[in-house]
C-alpha atoms as a PDB file:
ATOM      1  CA  PRO A   1       0.750 -61.650  33.400  1.00  0.00           C
ATOM      2  CA  GLY A   2       3.569 -61.506  35.890  1.00  0.00           C
ATOM      3  CA  ASP A   3       3.457 -57.716  36.300  1.00  0.00           C
ATOM      4  CA  ARG A   4       4.116 -56.477  39.802  1.00  0.00           C
ATOM      5  CA  MET A   5       3.645 -53.163  41.494  1.00  0.00           C
ATOM      6  CA  ARG A   6       5.402 -52.105  44.658  1.00  0.00           C
ATOM      7  CA  LEU A   7       4.032 -49.272  46.767  1.00  0.00           C
ATOM      8  CA  GLN A   8       6.232 -47.758  49.424  1.00  0.00           C
ATOM      9  CA  LEU A   9       4.678 -45.150  51.717  1.00  0.00           C
ATOM     10  CA  ASP A  10       6.259 -42.959  54.373  1.00  0.00           C
ATOM     11  CA  LEU A  11       4.024 -43.710  57.377  1.00  0.00           C
ATOM     12  CA  ARG A  12       5.592 -41.260  59.803  1.00  0.00           C
ATOM     13  CA  GLY A  13       3.195 -38.752  61.361  1.00  0.00           C
ATOM     14  CA  ARG A  14       3.405 -35.709  59.090  1.00  0.00           C
ATOM     15  CA  VAL A  15       2.464 -32.390  60.728  1.00  0.00           C
ATOM     16  CA  MET A  16       0.848 -29.695  58.592  1.00  0.00           C
ATOM     17  CA  ARG A  17       0.474 -26.213  60.008  1.00  0.00           C
ATOM     18  CA  ALA A  18      -1.780 -23.296  59.150  1.00  0.00           C
ATOM     19  CA  VAL A  19      -2.366 -19.883  60.658  1.00  0.00           C
ATOM     20  CA  ASP A  20      -5.817 -18.345  60.927  1.00  0.00           C
ATOM     21  CA  GLY A  21      -5.189 -14.750  61.916  1.00  0.00           C
ATOM     22  CA  SER A  22      -3.059 -15.025  65.016  1.00  0.00           C
ATOM     23  CA  HIS A  23      -4.056 -18.596  65.940  1.00  0.00           C
ATOM     24  CA  PRO A  24      -1.871 -21.530  64.821  1.00  0.00           C
ATOM     25  CA  TYR A  25      -3.550 -24.785  63.802  1.00  0.00           C
ATOM     26  CA  ALA A  26      -2.059 -28.209  63.102  1.00  0.00           C
ATOM     27  CA  ALA A  27      -3.269 -31.337  61.333  1.00  0.00           C
ATOM     28  CA  VAL A  28      -1.584 -34.741  61.212  1.00  0.00           C
ATOM     29  CA  ALA A  29      -1.473 -37.319  58.425  1.00  0.00           C
ATOM     30  CA  ARG A  30       0.010 -40.802  58.359  1.00  0.00           C
ATOM     31  CA  GLY A  31       0.987 -41.599  54.795  1.00  0.00           C
ATOM     32  CA  PRO A  32      -2.125 -40.927  52.690  1.00  0.00           C
ATOM     33  CA  VAL A  33      -4.462 -41.086  55.729  1.00  0.00           C
ATOM     34  CA  VAL A  34      -5.554 -37.838  57.389  1.00  0.00           C
ATOM     35  CA  LEU A  35      -6.031 -38.192  61.154  1.00  0.00           C
ATOM     36  CA  ALA A  36      -8.573 -36.489  63.405  1.00  0.00           C
ATOM     37  CA  ARG A  37      -9.525 -36.044  67.056  1.00  0.00           C
ATOM     38  CA  ASP A  38     -12.834 -37.714  67.890  1.00  0.00           C
ATOM     39  CA  VAL A  39     -14.857 -37.460  71.123  1.00  0.00           C
ATOM     40  CA  ARG A  40     -15.021 -41.272  71.259  1.00  0.00           C
ATOM     41  CA  LEU A  41     -11.300 -41.246  72.005  1.00  0.00           C
ATOM     42  CA  GLY A  42     -12.080 -39.590  75.341  1.00  0.00           C
ATOM     43  CA  GLN A  43     -10.742 -36.090  74.788  1.00  0.00           C
ATOM     44  CA  GLU A  44     -13.319 -33.470  75.533  1.00  0.00           C
ATOM     45  CA  PRO A  45     -13.721 -30.672  74.824  1.00  0.00           C
ATOM     46  CA  ILE A  46     -12.796 -31.483  71.267  1.00  0.00           C
ATOM     47  CA  ASP A  47     -11.987 -27.816  70.499  1.00  0.00           C
ATOM     48  CA  ALA A  48      -9.448 -27.459  73.328  1.00  0.00           C
ATOM     49  CA  PRO A  49      -5.992 -26.394  72.141  1.00  0.00           C
ATOM     50  CA  VAL A  50      -3.376 -29.139  71.992  1.00  0.00           C
ATOM     51  CA  ALA A  51       0.273 -28.920  73.006  1.00  0.00           C
ATOM     52  CA  SER A  52       2.435 -28.245  69.976  1.00  0.00           C
ATOM     53  CA  PHE A  53       3.301 -31.442  68.123  1.00  0.00           C
ATOM     54  CA  GLY A  54       6.957 -32.408  68.201  1.00  0.00           C
ATOM     55  CA  ASP A  55       8.766 -30.925  65.270  1.00  0.00           C
ATOM     56  CA  ASP A  56      11.255 -33.422  63.939  1.00  0.00           C
ATOM     57  CA  GLY A  57      11.521 -31.898  60.476  1.00  0.00           C
ATOM     58  CA  GLY A  58       7.736 -31.670  60.119  1.00  0.00           C
ATOM     59  CA  PHE A  59       7.058 -35.108  61.629  1.00  0.00           C
ATOM     60  CA  THR A  60       5.665 -36.322  64.952  1.00  0.00           C
ATOM     61  CA  GLN A  61       5.856 -39.696  66.666  1.00  0.00           C
ATOM     62  CA  LEU A  62       2.667 -41.756  66.279  1.00  0.00           C
ATOM     63  CA  ASP A  63       2.099 -44.753  68.529  1.00  0.00           C
ATOM     64  CA  ALA A  64      -0.576 -47.282  67.600  1.00  0.00           C
ATOM     65  CA  ALA A  65      -3.474 -47.509  70.083  1.00  0.00           C
ATOM     66  CA  ALA A  66      -6.376 -49.909  70.414  1.00  0.00           C
ATOM     67  CA  PRO A  67      -9.309 -48.360  68.529  1.00  0.00           C
ATOM     68  CA  PRO A  68     -12.726 -48.267  70.195  1.00  0.00           C
ATOM     69  CA  PRO A  69     -15.724 -49.808  68.386  1.00  0.00           C
ATOM     70  CA  GLY A  70     -16.569 -47.971  65.161  1.00  0.00           C
ATOM     71  CA  ILE A  71     -13.045 -46.653  64.611  1.00  0.00           C
ATOM     72  CA  ALA A  72     -10.738 -48.439  62.173  1.00  0.00           C
ATOM     73  CA  MET A  73      -7.382 -47.182  63.459  1.00  0.00           C
ATOM     74  CA  ALA A  74      -6.192 -45.081  66.390  1.00  0.00           C
ATOM     75  CA  PHE A  75      -2.899 -43.461  67.357  1.00  0.00           C
ATOM     76  CA  SER A  76      -1.392 -41.341  70.095  1.00  0.00           C
ATOM     77  CA  ALA A  77       0.747 -38.330  69.275  1.00  0.00           C
ATOM     78  CA  GLY A  78       2.003 -37.474  72.731  1.00  0.00           C
ATOM     79  CA  LYS A  79      -1.138 -36.837  74.802  1.00  0.00           C
ATOM     80  CA  VAL A  80      -3.354 -36.318  71.748  1.00  0.00           C
ATOM     81  CA  ARG A  81      -5.355 -39.334  70.581  1.00  0.00           C
ATOM     82  CA  LEU A  82      -6.186 -39.477  66.883  1.00  0.00           C
ATOM     83  CA  CYS A  83      -8.124 -41.737  64.529  1.00  0.00           C
ATOM     84  CA  ASP A  84      -8.436 -42.105  60.773  1.00  0.00           C
ATOM     85  CA  TYR A  85     -10.585 -39.397  59.174  1.00  0.00           C
ATOM     86  CA  ALA A  86     -12.887 -41.982  57.560  1.00  0.00           C
ATOM     87  CA  SER A  87     -13.916 -43.186  61.040  1.00  0.00           C
ATOM     88  CA  ALA A  88     -14.144 -39.733  62.620  1.00  0.00           C
ATOM     89  CA  GLY A  89     -17.645 -38.631  63.544  1.00  0.00           C
ATOM     90  CA  ASN A  90     -19.337 -41.554  61.806  1.00  0.00           C
ATOM     91  CA  THR A  91     -21.919 -42.264  64.519  1.00  0.00           C
ATOM     92  CA  TRP A  92     -24.675 -40.119  62.969  1.00  0.00           C
ATOM     93  CA  SER A  93     -25.527 -38.728  66.396  1.00  0.00           C
ATOM     94  CA  PRO A  94     -25.763 -35.010  67.240  1.00  0.00           C
ATOM     95  CA  GLY A  95     -22.990 -35.423  69.832  1.00  0.00           C
ATOM     96  CA  SER A  96     -20.578 -36.900  67.318  1.00  0.00           C
ATOM     97  CA  GLN A  97     -17.776 -34.375  67.122  1.00  0.00           C
ATOM     98  CA  TYR A  98     -14.382 -34.491  65.503  1.00  0.00           C
ATOM     99  CA  ARG A  99     -11.655 -32.098  64.440  1.00  0.00           C
ATOM    100  CA  VAL A 100      -8.878 -32.368  61.839  1.00  0.00           C
ATOM    101  CA  TRP A 101      -7.383 -28.873  62.258  1.00  0.00           C
ATOM    102  CA  MET A 102      -6.499 -28.530  65.932  1.00  0.00           C
ATOM    103  CA  PRO A 103      -5.617 -25.223  67.597  1.00  0.00           C
ATOM    104  CA  GLU A 104      -2.108 -25.374  69.066  1.00  0.00           C
ATOM    105  CA  ARG A 105      -1.077 -23.802  72.347  1.00  0.00           C
ATOM    106  CA  ARG A 106       1.718 -21.301  72.039  1.00  0.00           C
END
């Protein structure tokens, strides 16, 4: 009785980068939540390369956006719209596409 727990999370947009051969890829997380591009956010084609995310020590600015139906949370990172991974592609339709690792333009 009377025990308390305090959880403090860094909710800045954290950019993770990977290289597949000669192509750079980036993924973004917000605290413990991985973010993804989803076609419902109006960005087709989903596989199109994105402009490089701002690099402020491995972080990018995330601005909250109104999520469409079926998506729990949405953000904008510059011109790239992202949603929580749990919501990404959860329509069960063949056209439901999403991407966590995004190819970056050089």
